[in-house]
Amino acid sequence: MLRHAIPPAARFSRIPNEILRHPHLNGDAVRLLAWQLSLPDGVDEPLSRTAGRAGLGKLAFLRAKGQLKTAGYLHEWREQVERGRWCTRQLVSNVPLSPAEAALVRSPGGGTVRPGGATPTDPTADTTPTDSAPGRLLPADPPPTNTTPAPAGAVPPGAVPPTAGFPAAGGPTGRSAGRHPGKTSEGNTSHPPAPPEARRAVEDLTSLDPRLRTAPRAMLPELAGLAARWLEAGHSAESLRDAVARSLPARGEPVHRPGGLLRYILREVPPPSAPPTPQPPSVATMRECTGARHVQPMLFRPVADEELCGPCRTEHPTAAPTRPLGATLARTALRTATTT
């Protein structure tokens, strides 16, 4: 293995190898922590905003955040600020910290914590986190817009121990924005009721393949809403079944989450295909031969205005059209009598 690395002269961060090679941190967690530790001093950027800038989705961010908290590189506190509002404070570090060590870093004048709980001997040392300091304190929630000083008796930021709990029951909370709604919705309004046709179409999908029979019944309203979009776009229930059948895995392959598979298939609604143009019946362009050599009616497809079929024209190429005789004459008389 050949490696080519040029040490940067500026704009770089010192990340311990323990973070880069941590066995319990995936790539998203390492990137999220390295991004936070590389921010300059004075930049208060919540983890959620960093995850958005790093291109992490919601599930990936929550998974990486949980791994960082378990490994001790991330600590959170819920604290109450002025006017009874609650906010979350977050601390990231380049070394694993216990809850007591994290609380010491967070407390004013607590000093810089080394791995194992050691602190600097000089109590007047600067404790502001830098790029080489083990911890960085940042708010997870945006700070409140009200900058009035906290009233007397408010809980100081360093008095709350690190905890992941929620405010106690009965504690003061912020007033909700806007006025009280005039009427409270009843029942489950997470998914609006779908038309009966859409519900029947979804119920028929479960009988399309035995692997779809274990789809959760709780997902039927959501799937019915997706099927309603297909019906509104001009698709029929039969075309919906055909689209699902074409998207199913091959026979013999297991389907672990049939409800999620149906939701994935029905999420994108393709434009409906145009109905085929009906073709006129082939007998409509045919004509009955007026030749006398046929005992039964003889139909042929004329090229121009000829009234004789090919064999009759070959037999009498120069003969003028003969007067209809026999069965042809009788049918002509019946048609004339019927029209009159």
C-alpha atoms as a PDB file:
ATOM      1  CA  MET A   1       0.000   0.000   0.000  1.00  0.00           C
ATOM      2  CA  LEU A   2       1.471   3.340  -1.097  1.00  0.00           C
ATOM      3  CA  ARG A   3       0.433   6.582   0.580  1.00  0.00           C
ATOM      4  CA  HIS A   4       1.051  10.151  -0.521  1.00  0.00           C
ATOM      5  CA  ALA A   5       0.192  12.838   2.058  1.00  0.00           C
ATOM      6  CA  ILE A   6       1.275  16.496   2.151  1.00  0.00           C
ATOM      7  CA  PRO A   7       0.991  18.174   5.592  1.00  0.00           C
ATOM      8  CA  PRO A   8      -1.201  21.273   5.260  1.00  0.00           C
ATOM      9  CA  ALA A   9       0.344  24.591   6.213  1.00  0.00           C
ATOM     10  CA  ALA A  10      -2.946  26.192   7.324  1.00  0.00           C
ATOM     11  CA  ARG A  11      -6.689  25.555   7.692  1.00  0.00           C
ATOM     12  CA  PHE A  12      -6.404  22.082   9.205  1.00  0.00           C
ATOM     13  CA  SER A  13      -7.669  20.376  12.366  1.00  0.00           C
ATOM     14  CA  ARG A  14      -6.003  17.923  14.721  1.00  0.00           C
ATOM     15  CA  ILE A  15      -8.271  14.904  15.141  1.00  0.00           C
ATOM     16  CA  PRO A  16      -7.103  12.031  17.370  1.00  0.00           C
ATOM     17  CA  ASN A  17      -6.664   8.686  15.708  1.00  0.00           C
ATOM     18  CA  GLU A  18      -8.927   7.175  18.374  1.00  0.00           C
ATOM     19  CA  ILE A  19     -11.828   9.033  16.783  1.00  0.00           C
ATOM     20  CA  LEU A  20     -10.963   8.143  13.202  1.00  0.00           C
ATOM     21  CA  ARG A  21     -10.476   4.462  14.090  1.00  0.00           C
ATOM     22  CA  HIS A  22     -13.173   4.116  16.726  1.00  0.00           C
ATOM     23  CA  PRO A  23     -14.814   0.697  16.335  1.00  0.00           C
ATOM     24  CA  HIS A  24     -18.244   1.926  17.465  1.00  0.00           C
ATOM     25  CA  LEU A  25     -18.487   5.149  15.407  1.00  0.00           C
ATOM     26  CA  ASN A  26     -19.639   4.966  11.821  1.00  0.00           C
ATOM     27  CA  GLY A  27     -18.524   7.361   9.123  1.00  0.00           C
ATOM     28  CA  ASP A  28     -21.401   9.798   9.747  1.00  0.00           C
ATOM     29  CA  ALA A  29     -20.579  10.053  13.458  1.00  0.00           C
ATOM     30  CA  VAL A  30     -16.866  10.619  12.769  1.00  0.00           C
ATOM     31  CA  ARG A  31     -17.644  13.273  10.160  1.00  0.00           C
ATOM     32  CA  LEU A  32     -20.130  15.035  12.430  1.00  0.00           C
ATOM     33  CA  LEU A  33     -17.665  15.149  15.337  1.00  0.00           C
ATOM     34  CA  ALA A  34     -14.718  16.201  13.165  1.00  0.00           C
ATOM     35  CA  TRP A  35     -16.824  18.970  11.595  1.00  0.00           C
ATOM     36  CA  GLN A  36     -17.753  20.327  15.024  1.00  0.00           C
ATOM     37  CA  LEU A  37     -14.186  20.210  16.330  1.00  0.00           C
ATOM     38  CA  SER A  38     -12.915  22.028  13.225  1.00  0.00           C
ATOM     39  CA  LEU A  39     -15.170  25.054  13.737  1.00  0.00           C
ATOM     40  CA  PRO A  40     -13.358  28.239  14.812  1.00  0.00           C
ATOM     41  CA  ASP A  41     -13.812  29.773  18.236  1.00  0.00           C
ATOM     42  CA  GLY A  42     -16.970  31.757  18.785  1.00  0.00           C
ATOM     43  CA  VAL A  43     -19.071  29.800  16.271  1.00  0.00           C
ATOM     44  CA  ASP A  44     -22.200  28.390  17.925  1.00  0.00           C
ATOM     45  CA  GLU A  45     -23.576  25.854  15.470  1.00  0.00           C
ATOM     46  CA  PRO A  46     -25.983  23.137  16.691  1.00  0.00           C
ATOM     47  CA  LEU A  47     -25.402  19.558  15.676  1.00  0.00           C
ATOM     48  CA  SER A  48     -28.580  19.528  13.630  1.00  0.00           C
ATOM     49  CA  ARG A  49     -27.326  22.417  11.496  1.00  0.00           C
ATOM     50  CA  THR A  50     -23.949  20.711  11.059  1.00  0.00           C
ATOM     51  CA  ALA A  51     -25.718  17.530   9.962  1.00  0.00           C
ATOM     52  CA  GLY A  52     -27.654  19.510   7.370  1.00  0.00           C
ATOM     53  CA  ARG A  53     -24.483  21.103   6.025  1.00  0.00           C
ATOM     54  CA  ALA A  54     -22.804  17.685   5.937  1.00  0.00           C
ATOM     55  CA  GLY A  55     -25.670  16.201   3.927  1.00  0.00           C
ATOM     56  CA  LEU A  56     -26.890  13.785   6.612  1.00  0.00           C
ATOM     57  CA  GLY A  57     -30.527  12.753   6.654  1.00  0.00           C
ATOM     58  CA  LYS A  58     -32.686  12.644   9.751  1.00  0.00           C
ATOM     59  CA  LEU A  59     -32.178   8.947  10.473  1.00  0.00           C
ATOM     60  CA  ALA A  60     -28.445   9.095   9.789  1.00  0.00           C
ATOM     61  CA  PHE A  61     -28.116  12.121  12.079  1.00  0.00           C
ATOM     62  CA  LEU A  62     -30.007  10.461  14.923  1.00  0.00           C
ATOM     63  CA  ARG A  63     -27.927   7.286  14.579  1.00  0.00           C
ATOM     64  CA  ALA A  64     -24.644   9.229  14.574  1.00  0.00           C
ATOM     65  CA  LYS A  65     -25.770  11.364  17.515  1.00  0.00           C
ATOM     66  CA  GLY A  66     -26.644   8.279  19.554  1.00  0.00           C
ATOM     67  CA  GLN A  67     -23.241   6.715  18.843  1.00  0.00           C
ATOM     68  CA  LEU A  68     -21.428   9.897  19.931  1.00  0.00           C
ATOM     69  CA  LYS A  69     -23.423  10.060  23.185  1.00  0.00           C
ATOM     70  CA  THR A  70     -22.757   6.399  23.921  1.00  0.00           C
ATOM     71  CA  ALA A  71     -19.023   6.790  23.288  1.00  0.00           C
ATOM     72  CA  GLY A  72     -18.820   9.878  25.542  1.00  0.00           C
ATOM     73  CA  TYR A  73     -17.949  12.431  22.854  1.00  0.00           C
ATOM     74  CA  LEU A  74     -21.317  14.216  23.160  1.00  0.00           C
ATOM     75  CA  HIS A  75     -23.227  15.340  26.255  1.00  0.00           C
ATOM     76  CA  GLU A  76     -26.555  17.177  26.472  1.00  0.00           C
ATOM     77  CA  TRP A  77     -28.363  19.137  29.170  1.00  0.00           C
ATOM     78  CA  ARG A  78     -31.920  20.429  29.320  1.00  0.00           C
ATOM     79  CA  GLU A  79     -32.120  23.744  31.138  1.00  0.00           C
ATOM     80  CA  GLN A  80     -34.749  26.379  31.764  1.00  0.00           C
ATOM     81  CA  VAL A  81     -34.060  29.977  30.781  1.00  0.00           C
ATOM     82  CA  GLU A  82     -35.976  33.210  31.179  1.00  0.00           C
ATOM     83  CA  ARG A  83     -39.749  33.293  30.791  1.00  0.00           C
ATOM     84  CA  GLY A  84     -39.950  29.580  31.548  1.00  0.00           C
ATOM     85  CA  ARG A  85     -38.508  28.439  28.227  1.00  0.00           C
ATOM     86  CA  TRP A  86     -36.468  25.266  27.887  1.00  0.00           C
ATOM     87  CA  CYS A  87     -33.401  24.804  25.730  1.00  0.00           C
ATOM     88  CA  THR A  88     -30.805  22.095  25.153  1.00  0.00           C
ATOM     89  CA  ARG A  89     -27.085  22.622  25.655  1.00  0.00           C
ATOM     90  CA  GLN A  90     -24.625  20.332  23.921  1.00  0.00           C
ATOM     91  CA  LEU A  91     -20.936  19.646  24.554  1.00  0.00           C
ATOM     92  CA  VAL A  92     -18.666  17.881  22.065  1.00  0.00           C
ATOM     93  CA  SER A  93     -15.143  16.805  22.948  1.00  0.00           C
ATOM     94  CA  ASN A  94     -12.205  15.158  21.249  1.00  0.00           C
ATOM     95  CA  VAL A  95     -11.796  12.725  24.159  1.00  0.00           C
ATOM     96  CA  PRO A  96     -14.440  10.574  25.871  1.00  0.00           C
ATOM     97  CA  LEU A  97     -15.786  12.310  28.980  1.00  0.00           C
ATOM     98  CA  SER A  98     -17.875  10.954  31.811  1.00  0.00           C
ATOM     99  CA  PRO A  99     -20.977  12.898  32.918  1.00  0.00           C
ATOM    100  CA  ALA A 100     -19.058  14.370  35.873  1.00  0.00           C
ATOM    101  CA  GLU A 101     -16.152  15.459  33.678  1.00  0.00           C
ATOM    102  CA  ALA A 102     -18.533  16.965  31.135  1.00  0.00           C
ATOM    103  CA  ALA A 103     -20.295  18.906  33.890  1.00  0.00           C
ATOM    104  CA  LEU A 104     -16.918  20.223  35.054  1.00  0.00           C
ATOM    105  CA  VAL A 105     -16.089  21.479  31.551  1.00  0.00           C
ATOM    106  CA  ARG A 106     -19.509  23.079  31.262  1.00  0.00           C
ATOM    107  CA  SER A 107     -19.457  24.846  34.629  1.00  0.00           C
ATOM    108  CA  PRO A 108     -18.010  28.390  34.660  1.00  0.00           C
ATOM    109  CA  GLY A 109     -14.358  28.313  35.728  1.00  0.00           C
ATOM    110  CA  GLY A 110     -14.352  24.553  35.912  1.00  0.00           C
ATOM    111  CA  GLY A 111     -11.148  24.224  33.938  1.00  0.00           C
ATOM    112  CA  THR A 112     -10.128  21.978  31.065  1.00  0.00           C
ATOM    113  CA  VAL A 113     -10.650  18.289  31.788  1.00  0.00           C
ATOM    114  CA  ARG A 114      -8.024  15.796  30.685  1.00  0.00           C
ATOM    115  CA  PRO A 115      -8.829  12.133  30.066  1.00  0.00           C
ATOM    116  CA  GLY A 116      -9.266  10.399  33.410  1.00  0.00           C
ATOM    117  CA  GLY A 117     -10.550  13.494  35.221  1.00  0.00           C
ATOM    118  CA  ALA A 118      -7.256  15.426  35.648  1.00  0.00           C
ATOM    119  CA  THR A 119      -7.420  19.231  35.617  1.00  0.00           C
ATOM    120  CA  PRO A 120      -4.732  21.863  35.144  1.00  0.00           C
ATOM    121  CA  THR A 121      -2.850  22.821  38.257  1.00  0.00           C
ATOM    122  CA  ASP A 122      -3.097  26.523  37.504  1.00  0.00           C
ATOM    123  CA  PRO A 123      -6.591  27.695  38.525  1.00  0.00           C
ATOM    124  CA  THR A 124      -6.156  30.896  36.518  1.00  0.00           C
ATOM    125  CA  ALA A 125      -5.495  29.066  33.264  1.00  0.00           C
ATOM    126  CA  ASP A 126      -7.646  29.983  30.292  1.00  0.00           C
ATOM    127  CA  THR A 127     -10.504  27.491  30.012  1.00  0.00           C
ATOM    128  CA  THR A 128     -11.899  28.704  26.693  1.00  0.00           C
ATOM    129  CA  PRO A 129     -12.169  25.700  24.330  1.00  0.00           C
ATOM    130  CA  THR A 130      -9.862  25.926  21.325  1.00  0.00           C
ATOM    131  CA  ASP A 131      -9.074  23.615  18.457  1.00  0.00           C
ATOM    132  CA  SER A 132      -6.679  21.726  20.719  1.00  0.00           C
ATOM    133  CA  ALA A 133      -8.950  21.770  23.783  1.00  0.00           C
ATOM    134  CA  PRO A 134     -10.875  18.585  24.472  1.00  0.00           C
ATOM    135  CA  GLY A 135     -14.332  20.163  24.641  1.00  0.00           C
ATOM    136  CA  ARG A 136     -16.580  22.613  22.767  1.00  0.00           C
ATOM    137  CA  LEU A 137     -19.839  23.861  24.293  1.00  0.00           C
ATOM    138  CA  LEU A 138     -22.603  24.754  21.885  1.00  0.00           C
ATOM    139  CA  PRO A 139     -26.391  25.191  22.037  1.00  0.00           C
ATOM    140  CA  ALA A 140     -28.539  22.634  20.276  1.00  0.00           C
ATOM    141  CA  ASP A 141     -31.550  24.946  20.137  1.00  0.00           C
ATOM    142  CA  PRO A 142     -31.382  28.572  18.910  1.00  0.00           C
ATOM    143  CA  PRO A 143     -31.011  30.967  21.856  1.00  0.00           C
ATOM    144  CA  PRO A 144     -34.157  32.841  22.918  1.00  0.00           C
ATOM    145  CA  THR A 145     -34.742  36.210  21.340  1.00  0.00           C
ATOM    146  CA  ASN A 146     -35.476  37.868  24.687  1.00  0.00           C
ATOM    147  CA  THR A 147     -32.183  39.192  26.079  1.00  0.00           C
ATOM    148  CA  THR A 148     -33.504  40.502  29.390  1.00  0.00           C
ATOM    149  CA  PRO A 149     -31.525  39.277  32.406  1.00  0.00           C
ATOM    150  CA  ALA A 150     -32.838  36.202  34.188  1.00  0.00           C
ATOM    151  CA  PRO A 151     -34.945  36.950  37.276  1.00  0.00           C
ATOM    152  CA  ALA A 152     -33.663  36.281  40.743  1.00  0.00           C
ATOM    153  CA  GLY A 153     -33.934  32.678  41.784  1.00  0.00           C
ATOM    154  CA  ALA A 154     -33.491  31.281  38.247  1.00  0.00           C
ATOM    155  CA  VAL A 155     -31.548  28.047  37.930  1.00  0.00           C
ATOM    156  CA  PRO A 156     -27.930  28.825  36.950  1.00  0.00           C
ATOM    157  CA  PRO A 157     -26.620  26.984  33.886  1.00  0.00           C
ATOM    158  CA  GLY A 158     -24.051  24.970  35.865  1.00  0.00           C
ATOM    159  CA  ALA A 159     -26.377  23.816  38.637  1.00  0.00           C
ATOM    160  CA  VAL A 160     -28.200  21.176  36.555  1.00  0.00           C
ATOM    161  CA  PRO A 161     -26.311  17.863  36.294  1.00  0.00           C
ATOM    162  CA  PRO A 162     -26.027  16.232  32.865  1.00  0.00           C
ATOM    163  CA  THR A 163     -29.220  14.380  32.130  1.00  0.00           C
ATOM    164  CA  ALA A 164     -31.280  13.364  29.146  1.00  0.00           C
ATOM    165  CA  GLY A 165     -34.608  13.761  30.963  1.00  0.00           C
ATOM    166  CA  PHE A 166     -37.443  16.174  30.336  1.00  0.00           C
ATOM    167  CA  PRO A 167     -38.799  18.966  32.578  1.00  0.00           C
ATOM    168  CA  ALA A 168     -40.686  17.838  35.639  1.00  0.00           C
ATOM    169  CA  ALA A 169     -44.442  17.662  35.491  1.00  0.00           C
ATOM    170  CA  GLY A 170     -46.069  20.941  36.422  1.00  0.00           C
ATOM    171  CA  GLY A 171     -43.023  23.088  35.599  1.00  0.00           C
ATOM    172  CA  PRO A 172     -43.426  26.395  33.770  1.00  0.00           C
ATOM    173  CA  THR A 173     -43.473  26.167  30.007  1.00  0.00           C
ATOM    174  CA  GLY A 174     -43.525  28.730  27.264  1.00  0.00           C
ATOM    175  CA  ARG A 175     -46.773  30.037  25.868  1.00  0.00           C
ATOM    176  CA  SER A 176     -47.701  28.514  22.559  1.00  0.00           C
ATOM    177  CA  ALA A 177     -47.708  30.865  19.601  1.00  0.00           C
ATOM    178  CA  GLY A 178     -51.051  31.921  18.140  1.00  0.00           C
ATOM    179  CA  ARG A 179     -54.517  31.660  19.578  1.00  0.00           C
ATOM    180  CA  HIS A 180     -56.398  28.594  20.693  1.00  0.00           C
ATOM    181  CA  PRO A 181     -58.041  26.721  17.822  1.00  0.00           C
ATOM    182  CA  GLY A 182     -61.764  27.171  17.577  1.00  0.00           C
ATOM    183  CA  LYS A 183     -62.521  23.467  17.155  1.00  0.00           C
ATOM    184  CA  THR A 184     -60.466  20.445  18.087  1.00  0.00           C
ATOM    185  CA  SER A 185     -60.208  17.716  15.480  1.00  0.00           C
ATOM    186  CA  GLU A 186     -61.604  14.381  16.540  1.00  0.00           C
ATOM    187  CA  GLY A 187     -60.089  11.005  15.785  1.00  0.00           C
ATOM    188  CA  ASN A 188     -56.812  10.224  14.078  1.00  0.00           C
ATOM    189  CA  THR A 189     -56.075  12.940  11.532  1.00  0.00           C
ATOM    190  CA  SER A 190     -52.585  11.798  10.579  1.00  0.00           C
ATOM    191  CA  HIS A 191     -53.884  10.451   7.245  1.00  0.00           C
ATOM    192  CA  PRO A 192     -57.090  11.795   5.675  1.00  0.00           C
ATOM    193  CA  PRO A 193     -59.665   9.154   4.812  1.00  0.00           C
ATOM    194  CA  ALA A 194     -59.126   7.714   1.352  1.00  0.00           C
ATOM    195  CA  PRO A 195     -61.917   6.925  -1.129  1.00  0.00           C
ATOM    196  CA  PRO A 196     -63.441   3.434  -0.880  1.00  0.00           C
ATOM    197  CA  GLU A 197     -62.041   2.566  -4.304  1.00  0.00           C
ATOM    198  CA  ALA A 198     -58.511   3.233  -3.096  1.00  0.00           C
ATOM    199  CA  ARG A 199     -58.999   1.124   0.026  1.00  0.00           C
ATOM    200  CA  ARG A 200     -60.340  -1.777  -2.026  1.00  0.00           C
ATOM    201  CA  ALA A 201     -57.405  -1.476  -4.435  1.00  0.00           C
ATOM    202  CA  VAL A 202     -54.920  -1.674  -1.540  1.00  0.00           C
ATOM    203  CA  GLU A 203     -56.722  -4.633   0.028  1.00  0.00           C
ATOM    204  CA  ASP A 204     -56.576  -6.431  -3.325  1.00  0.00           C
ATOM    205  CA  LEU A 205     -52.804  -5.865  -3.453  1.00  0.00           C
ATOM    206  CA  THR A 206     -52.310  -8.084  -0.411  1.00  0.00           C
ATOM    207  CA  SER A 207     -53.747 -10.997  -2.371  1.00  0.00           C
ATOM    208  CA  LEU A 208     -51.443 -10.325  -5.311  1.00  0.00           C
ATOM    209  CA  ASP A 209     -48.513 -12.151  -3.700  1.00  0.00           C
ATOM    210  CA  PRO A 210     -48.296 -14.280  -0.544  1.00  0.00           C
ATOM    211  CA  ARG A 211     -45.357 -12.175   0.645  1.00  0.00           C
ATOM    212  CA  LEU A 212     -47.604  -9.106   0.880  1.00  0.00           C
ATOM    213  CA  ARG A 213     -50.145 -10.673   3.226  1.00  0.00           C
ATOM    214  CA  THR A 214     -48.123  -9.716   6.313  1.00  0.00           C
ATOM    215  CA  ALA A 215     -48.348  -5.971   5.591  1.00  0.00           C
ATOM    216  CA  PRO A 216     -49.365  -4.154   8.816  1.00  0.00           C
ATOM    217  CA  ARG A 217     -53.024  -3.216   8.993  1.00  0.00           C
ATOM    218  CA  ALA A 218     -52.021   0.103  10.543  1.00  0.00           C
ATOM    219  CA  MET A 219     -50.403   1.115   7.239  1.00  0.00           C
ATOM    220  CA  LEU A 220     -53.567   0.617   5.185  1.00  0.00           C
ATOM    221  CA  PRO A 221     -54.745   4.264   5.551  1.00  0.00           C
ATOM    222  CA  GLU A 222     -51.363   5.527   4.364  1.00  0.00           C
ATOM    223  CA  LEU A 223     -51.250   3.058   1.470  1.00  0.00           C
ATOM    224  CA  ALA A 224     -54.835   3.908   0.549  1.00  0.00           C
ATOM    225  CA  GLY A 225     -53.894   7.582   0.383  1.00  0.00           C
ATOM    226  CA  LEU A 226     -51.048   6.750  -2.005  1.00  0.00           C
ATOM    227  CA  ALA A 227     -53.359   4.578  -4.104  1.00  0.00           C
ATOM    228  CA  ALA A 228     -55.855   7.457  -4.260  1.00  0.00           C
ATOM    229  CA  ARG A 229     -53.178   9.563  -5.950  1.00  0.00           C
ATOM    230  CA  TRP A 230     -52.855   6.891  -8.646  1.00  0.00           C
ATOM    231  CA  LEU A 231     -56.586   6.859  -9.213  1.00  0.00           C
ATOM    232  CA  GLU A 232     -56.744  10.658  -9.346  1.00  0.00           C
ATOM    233  CA  ALA A 233     -53.952  10.672 -11.958  1.00  0.00           C
ATOM    234  CA  GLY A 234     -56.080   8.507 -14.267  1.00  0.00           C
ATOM    235  CA  HIS A 235     -54.823   5.022 -13.456  1.00  0.00           C
ATOM    236  CA  SER A 236     -57.216   2.147 -12.965  1.00  0.00           C
ATOM    237  CA  ALA A 237     -57.113  -0.432 -10.203  1.00  0.00           C
ATOM    238  CA  GLU A 238     -55.919  -3.007 -12.723  1.00  0.00           C
ATOM    239  CA  SER A 239     -53.009  -0.816 -13.845  1.00  0.00           C
ATOM    240  CA  LEU A 240     -52.135  -0.290 -10.189  1.00  0.00           C
ATOM    241  CA  ARG A 241     -51.950  -4.045  -9.653  1.00  0.00           C
ATOM    242  CA  ASP A 242     -49.816  -4.473 -12.775  1.00  0.00           C
ATOM    243  CA  ALA A 243     -47.367  -1.786 -11.609  1.00  0.00           C
ATOM    244  CA  VAL A 244     -46.983  -3.430  -8.192  1.00  0.00           C
ATOM    245  CA  ALA A 245     -46.593  -6.884  -9.747  1.00  0.00           C
ATOM    246  CA  ARG A 246     -43.808  -5.642 -12.039  1.00  0.00           C
ATOM    247  CA  SER A 247     -41.937  -4.039  -9.113  1.00  0.00           C
ATOM    248  CA  LEU A 248     -42.004  -7.041  -6.777  1.00  0.00           C
ATOM    249  CA  PRO A 249     -38.785  -9.026  -6.228  1.00  0.00           C
ATOM    250  CA  ALA A 250     -38.325 -12.314  -8.018  1.00  0.00           C
ATOM    251  CA  ARG A 251     -40.113 -15.392  -6.769  1.00  0.00           C
ATOM    252  CA  GLY A 252     -38.316 -16.987  -3.865  1.00  0.00           C
ATOM    253  CA  GLU A 253     -36.708 -13.776  -2.574  1.00  0.00           C
ATOM    254  CA  PRO A 254     -37.950 -12.803   0.902  1.00  0.00           C
ATOM    255  CA  VAL A 255     -39.763  -9.524   1.561  1.00  0.00           C
ATOM    256  CA  HIS A 256     -38.993  -8.468   5.126  1.00  0.00           C
ATOM    257  CA  ARG A 257     -41.137  -5.294   5.168  1.00  0.00           C
ATOM    258  CA  PRO A 258     -44.061  -5.687   2.755  1.00  0.00           C
ATOM    259  CA  GLY A 259     -45.730  -2.488   3.966  1.00  0.00           C
ATOM    260  CA  GLY A 260     -42.603  -0.443   3.334  1.00  0.00           C
ATOM    261  CA  LEU A 261     -42.179  -2.065  -0.082  1.00  0.00           C
ATOM    262  CA  LEU A 262     -45.720  -1.117  -1.110  1.00  0.00           C
ATOM    263  CA  ARG A 263     -45.186   2.427   0.153  1.00  0.00           C
ATOM    264  CA  TYR A 264     -41.977   2.693  -1.878  1.00  0.00           C
ATOM    265  CA  ILE A 265     -43.687   1.414  -5.041  1.00  0.00           C
ATOM    266  CA  LEU A 266     -46.753   3.648  -4.716  1.00  0.00           C
ATOM    267  CA  ARG A 267     -44.845   6.788  -3.755  1.00  0.00           C
ATOM    268  CA  GLU A 268     -44.011   7.767  -7.350  1.00  0.00           C
ATOM    269  CA  VAL A 269     -47.055   8.151  -9.609  1.00  0.00           C
ATOM    270  CA  PRO A 270     -46.141   7.744 -13.312  1.00  0.00           C
ATOM    271  CA  PRO A 271     -48.269   9.416 -15.969  1.00  0.00           C
ATOM    272  CA  PRO A 272     -51.020   7.143 -17.234  1.00  0.00           C
ATOM    273  CA  SER A 273     -50.447   5.554 -20.611  1.00  0.00           C
ATOM    274  CA  ALA A 274     -52.728   6.632 -23.463  1.00  0.00           C
ATOM    275  CA  PRO A 275     -55.441   4.093 -24.354  1.00  0.00           C
ATOM    276  CA  PRO A 276     -54.830   2.270 -27.661  1.00  0.00           C
ATOM    277  CA  THR A 277     -56.643   3.670 -30.690  1.00  0.00           C
ATOM    278  CA  PRO A 278     -59.390   1.243 -31.722  1.00  0.00           C
ATOM    279  CA  GLN A 279     -58.824  -0.192 -35.176  1.00  0.00           C
ATOM    280  CA  PRO A 280     -61.790  -0.637 -37.515  1.00  0.00           C
ATOM    281  CA  PRO A 281     -62.748  -4.261 -38.209  1.00  0.00           C
ATOM    282  CA  SER A 282     -61.087  -5.712 -41.238  1.00  0.00           C
ATOM    283  CA  VAL A 283     -64.409  -6.749 -42.789  1.00  0.00           C
ATOM    284  CA  ALA A 284     -65.522  -3.103 -42.949  1.00  0.00           C
ATOM    285  CA  THR A 285     -63.084  -2.389 -45.778  1.00  0.00           C
ATOM    286  CA  MET A 286     -64.106  -5.422 -47.829  1.00  0.00           C
ATOM    287  CA  ARG A 287     -66.588  -5.541 -50.707  1.00  0.00           C
ATOM    288  CA  GLU A 288     -68.749  -8.325 -52.150  1.00  0.00           C
ATOM    289  CA  CYS A 289     -67.824  -9.484 -55.615  1.00  0.00           C
ATOM    290  CA  THR A 290     -70.576  -8.977 -58.209  1.00  0.00           C
ATOM    291  CA  GLY A 291     -69.302 -11.681 -60.524  1.00  0.00           C
ATOM    292  CA  ALA A 292     -71.627 -14.516 -61.582  1.00  0.00           C
ATOM    293  CA  ARG A 293     -69.154 -17.314 -61.032  1.00  0.00           C
ATOM    294  CA  HIS A 294     -69.635 -17.407 -57.242  1.00  0.00           C
ATOM    295  CA  VAL A 295     -72.338 -19.588 -55.735  1.00  0.00           C
ATOM    296  CA  GLN A 296     -71.883 -18.039 -52.256  1.00  0.00           C
ATOM    297  CA  PRO A 297     -70.986 -14.437 -51.352  1.00  0.00           C
ATOM    298  CA  MET A 298     -67.327 -13.659 -52.056  1.00  0.00           C
ATOM    299  CA  LEU A 299     -65.722 -10.816 -50.154  1.00  0.00           C
ATOM    300  CA  PHE A 300     -62.544  -9.116 -51.329  1.00  0.00           C
ATOM    301  CA  ARG A 301     -60.605  -5.980 -50.403  1.00  0.00           C
ATOM    302  CA  PRO A 302     -60.735  -3.580 -53.369  1.00  0.00           C
ATOM    303  CA  VAL A 303     -57.738  -1.509 -54.364  1.00  0.00           C
ATOM    304  CA  ALA A 304     -59.741   1.201 -56.166  1.00  0.00           C
ATOM    305  CA  ASP A 305     -63.389   1.111 -57.278  1.00  0.00           C
ATOM    306  CA  GLU A 306     -63.449  -2.361 -58.787  1.00  0.00           C
ATOM    307  CA  GLU A 307     -66.480  -4.547 -58.154  1.00  0.00           C
ATOM    308  CA  LEU A 308     -64.941  -7.856 -59.227  1.00  0.00           C
ATOM    309  CA  CYS A 309     -62.533  -9.928 -57.211  1.00  0.00           C
ATOM    310  CA  GLY A 310     -59.132 -10.899 -58.531  1.00  0.00           C
ATOM    311  CA  PRO A 311     -60.107 -14.271 -60.075  1.00  0.00           C
ATOM    312  CA  CYS A 312     -63.098 -12.697 -61.856  1.00  0.00           C
ATOM    313  CA  ARG A 313     -60.952  -9.886 -63.247  1.00  0.00           C
ATOM    314  CA  THR A 314     -58.352 -12.420 -64.403  1.00  0.00           C
ATOM    315  CA  GLU A 315     -60.991 -14.549 -66.104  1.00  0.00           C
ATOM    316  CA  HIS A 316     -62.595 -11.574 -67.878  1.00  0.00           C
ATOM    317  CA  PRO A 317     -59.982  -8.821 -67.972  1.00  0.00           C
ATOM    318  CA  THR A 318     -61.777  -6.704 -70.588  1.00  0.00           C
ATOM    319  CA  ALA A 319     -65.355  -7.633 -69.885  1.00  0.00           C
ATOM    320  CA  ALA A 320     -67.644  -4.966 -68.578  1.00  0.00           C
ATOM    321  CA  PRO A 321     -69.143  -5.466 -65.141  1.00  0.00           C
ATOM    322  CA  THR A 322     -71.885  -8.032 -65.481  1.00  0.00           C
ATOM    323  CA  ARG A 323     -75.344  -7.677 -64.116  1.00  0.00           C
ATOM    324  CA  PRO A 324     -75.669  -9.347 -60.709  1.00  0.00           C
ATOM    325  CA  LEU A 325     -77.329 -12.721 -60.915  1.00  0.00           C
ATOM    326  CA  GLY A 326     -78.382 -15.497 -58.574  1.00  0.00           C
ATOM    327  CA  ALA A 327     -77.871 -14.944 -54.856  1.00  0.00           C
ATOM    328  CA  THR A 328     -76.327 -11.517 -55.413  1.00  0.00           C
ATOM    329  CA  LEU A 329     -79.418 -10.358 -57.300  1.00  0.00           C
ATOM    330  CA  ALA A 330     -81.711 -11.675 -54.555  1.00  0.00           C
ATOM    331  CA  ARG A 331     -79.779  -9.916 -51.804  1.00  0.00           C
ATOM    332  CA  THR A 332     -79.785  -6.668 -53.763  1.00  0.00           C
ATOM    333  CA  ALA A 333     -83.556  -6.898 -54.142  1.00  0.00           C
ATOM    334  CA  LEU A 334     -84.041  -7.556 -50.437  1.00  0.00           C
ATOM    335  CA  ARG A 335     -81.889  -4.550 -49.469  1.00  0.00           C
ATOM    336  CA  THR A 336     -83.869  -2.339 -51.853  1.00  0.00           C
ATOM    337  CA  ALA A 337     -87.197  -3.570 -50.449  1.00  0.00           C
ATOM    338  CA  THR A 338     -86.028  -3.010 -46.902  1.00  0.00           C
ATOM    339  CA  THR A 339     -84.882   0.566 -47.510  1.00  0.00           C
ATOM    340  CA  THR A 340     -88.113   1.482 -49.275  1.00  0.00           C
END
